[in-house]
C-alpha cells in the first residue's frame, strides 16, 4: 500500500506542475490581469484555433488525471 501511495504522490506532483504550465499557456481572454501586464498587445498574435482546442483537451485530460489521483489518495488515506 505504501508503494501505491508513493506512486500516486509522485503522479500528483507531476500532474500539478504540468497543469500549472498548461493553464499558463492559455491565451488571455482580456479584461483581467493579462491586460494589465500587456496581454492585450499580443492578442492578435495568439495561437490558432486548432492549437487552442488541442491545448484545451490536454489541459482537461491532465485535470481529470489530477482529480482522480487526489480521490485515490484520499481513499487510501481513509483505509490506512
C-alpha atoms as a PDB file:
ATOM      1  CA  UNK A   1       0.000   0.000   0.000  1.00  0.00           C
ATOM      2  CA  UNK A   2       2.928   2.327   0.673  1.00  0.00           C
ATOM      3  CA  UNK A   3       4.295   1.817  -2.840  1.00  0.00           C
ATOM      4  CA  UNK A   4       0.922   2.780  -4.342  1.00  0.00           C
ATOM      5  CA  UNK A   5       0.771   5.877  -2.144  1.00  0.00           C
ATOM      6  CA  UNK A   6       4.268   6.955  -3.219  1.00  0.00           C
ATOM      7  CA  UNK A   7       3.433   6.402  -6.899  1.00  0.00           C
ATOM      8  CA  UNK A   8       0.242   8.449  -6.556  1.00  0.00           C
ATOM      9  CA  UNK A   9       2.066  11.244  -4.722  1.00  0.00           C
ATOM     10  CA  UNK A  10       4.716  11.439  -7.442  1.00  0.00           C
ATOM     11  CA  UNK A  11       1.961  11.429 -10.080  1.00  0.00           C
ATOM     12  CA  UNK A  12       0.196  14.216  -8.176  1.00  0.00           C
ATOM     13  CA  UNK A  13       3.319  16.382  -8.147  1.00  0.00           C
ATOM     14  CA  UNK A  14       3.947  15.810 -11.853  1.00  0.00           C
ATOM     15  CA  UNK A  15       0.358  16.472 -12.921  1.00  0.00           C
ATOM     16  CA  UNK A  16       0.189  19.572 -10.703  1.00  0.00           C
ATOM     17  CA  UNK A  17       3.275  21.024 -12.360  1.00  0.00           C
ATOM     18  CA  UNK A  18       2.124  20.218 -15.881  1.00  0.00           C
ATOM     19  CA  UNK A  19      -1.383  21.514 -15.145  1.00  0.00           C
ATOM     20  CA  UNK A  20       0.057  24.812 -13.926  1.00  0.00           C
ATOM     21  CA  UNK A  21       2.174  25.175 -17.068  1.00  0.00           C
ATOM     22  CA  UNK A  22      -0.724  24.256 -19.346  1.00  0.00           C
ATOM     23  CA  UNK A  23      -3.012  26.807 -17.712  1.00  0.00           C
ATOM     24  CA  UNK A  24      -0.354  29.482 -18.094  1.00  0.00           C
ATOM     25  CA  UNK A  25      -0.044  28.648 -21.805  1.00  0.00           C
ATOM     26  CA  UNK A  26      -3.672  29.544 -22.478  1.00  0.00           C
ATOM     27  CA  UNK A  27      -4.413  32.774 -24.268  1.00  0.00           C
ATOM     28  CA  UNK A  28      -5.754  35.564 -22.072  1.00  0.00           C
ATOM     29  CA  UNK A  29      -9.374  36.498 -22.721  1.00  0.00           C
ATOM     30  CA  UNK A  30      -8.857  40.139 -21.787  1.00  0.00           C
ATOM     31  CA  UNK A  31     -10.270  42.368 -19.105  1.00  0.00           C
ATOM     32  CA  UNK A  32      -8.175  40.873 -16.313  1.00  0.00           C
ATOM     33  CA  UNK A  33      -4.600  40.690 -15.158  1.00  0.00           C
ATOM     34  CA  UNK A  34      -3.454  39.666 -18.640  1.00  0.00           C
ATOM     35  CA  UNK A  35      -4.348  43.137 -19.973  1.00  0.00           C
ATOM     36  CA  UNK A  36      -2.622  44.835 -17.068  1.00  0.00           C
ATOM     37  CA  UNK A  37       0.698  43.216 -17.942  1.00  0.00           C
ATOM     38  CA  UNK A  38       0.488  43.718 -21.692  1.00  0.00           C
ATOM     39  CA  UNK A  39      -1.564  40.673 -22.647  1.00  0.00           C
ATOM     40  CA  UNK A  40      -3.869  42.790 -24.798  1.00  0.00           C
ATOM     41  CA  UNK A  41      -0.998  43.771 -27.079  1.00  0.00           C
ATOM     42  CA  UNK A  42      -0.306  40.211 -28.172  1.00  0.00           C
ATOM     43  CA  UNK A  43      -3.967  39.209 -28.502  1.00  0.00           C
ATOM     44  CA  UNK A  44      -3.774  39.374 -32.286  1.00  0.00           C
ATOM     45  CA  UNK A  45      -0.671  37.198 -32.418  1.00  0.00           C
ATOM     46  CA  UNK A  46      -2.222  34.362 -30.436  1.00  0.00           C
ATOM     47  CA  UNK A  47      -2.287  30.706 -31.358  1.00  0.00           C
ATOM     48  CA  UNK A  48      -4.577  29.245 -33.986  1.00  0.00           C
ATOM     49  CA  UNK A  49      -7.953  27.754 -33.209  1.00  0.00           C
ATOM     50  CA  UNK A  50      -6.747  24.169 -33.627  1.00  0.00           C
ATOM     51  CA  UNK A  51      -3.799  24.673 -31.309  1.00  0.00           C
ATOM     52  CA  UNK A  52      -6.014  26.293 -28.685  1.00  0.00           C
ATOM     53  CA  UNK A  53      -8.520  23.424 -28.865  1.00  0.00           C
ATOM     54  CA  UNK A  54      -5.732  20.864 -28.518  1.00  0.00           C
ATOM     55  CA  UNK A  55      -4.336  22.780 -25.553  1.00  0.00           C
ATOM     56  CA  UNK A  56      -7.809  22.747 -24.004  1.00  0.00           C
ATOM     57  CA  UNK A  57      -8.106  18.984 -24.496  1.00  0.00           C
ATOM     58  CA  UNK A  58      -4.683  18.330 -22.984  1.00  0.00           C
ATOM     59  CA  UNK A  59      -5.439  20.623 -20.030  1.00  0.00           C
ATOM     60  CA  UNK A  60      -8.768  18.908 -19.357  1.00  0.00           C
ATOM     61  CA  UNK A  61      -7.092  15.484 -19.565  1.00  0.00           C
ATOM     62  CA  UNK A  62      -4.441  16.482 -17.027  1.00  0.00           C
ATOM     63  CA  UNK A  63      -7.140  17.983 -14.782  1.00  0.00           C
ATOM     64  CA  UNK A  64      -9.104  14.715 -14.832  1.00  0.00           C
ATOM     65  CA  UNK A  65      -5.990  12.681 -14.002  1.00  0.00           C
ATOM     66  CA  UNK A  66      -5.140  15.155 -11.221  1.00  0.00           C
ATOM     67  CA  UNK A  67      -8.640  14.847  -9.750  1.00  0.00           C
ATOM     68  CA  UNK A  68      -8.626  11.031  -9.890  1.00  0.00           C
ATOM     69  CA  UNK A  69      -5.224  10.899  -8.183  1.00  0.00           C
ATOM     70  CA  UNK A  70      -6.468  13.153  -5.375  1.00  0.00           C
ATOM     71  CA  UNK A  71      -9.559  10.985  -4.870  1.00  0.00           C
ATOM     72  CA  UNK A  72      -7.467   7.811  -4.838  1.00  0.00           C
ATOM     73  CA  UNK A  73      -5.030   9.309  -2.330  1.00  0.00           C
ATOM     74  CA  UNK A  74      -7.966  10.267  -0.121  1.00  0.00           C
ATOM     75  CA  UNK A  75      -9.386   6.749  -0.290  1.00  0.00           C
ATOM     76  CA  UNK A  76      -6.009   5.202   0.521  1.00  0.00           C
ATOM     77  CA  UNK A  77      -5.594   7.582   3.454  1.00  0.00           C
ATOM     78  CA  UNK A  78      -9.039   6.690   4.777  1.00  0.00           C
ATOM     79  CA  UNK A  79      -8.372   2.956   4.520  1.00  0.00           C
ATOM     80  CA  UNK A  80      -4.981   3.162   6.229  1.00  0.00           C
END
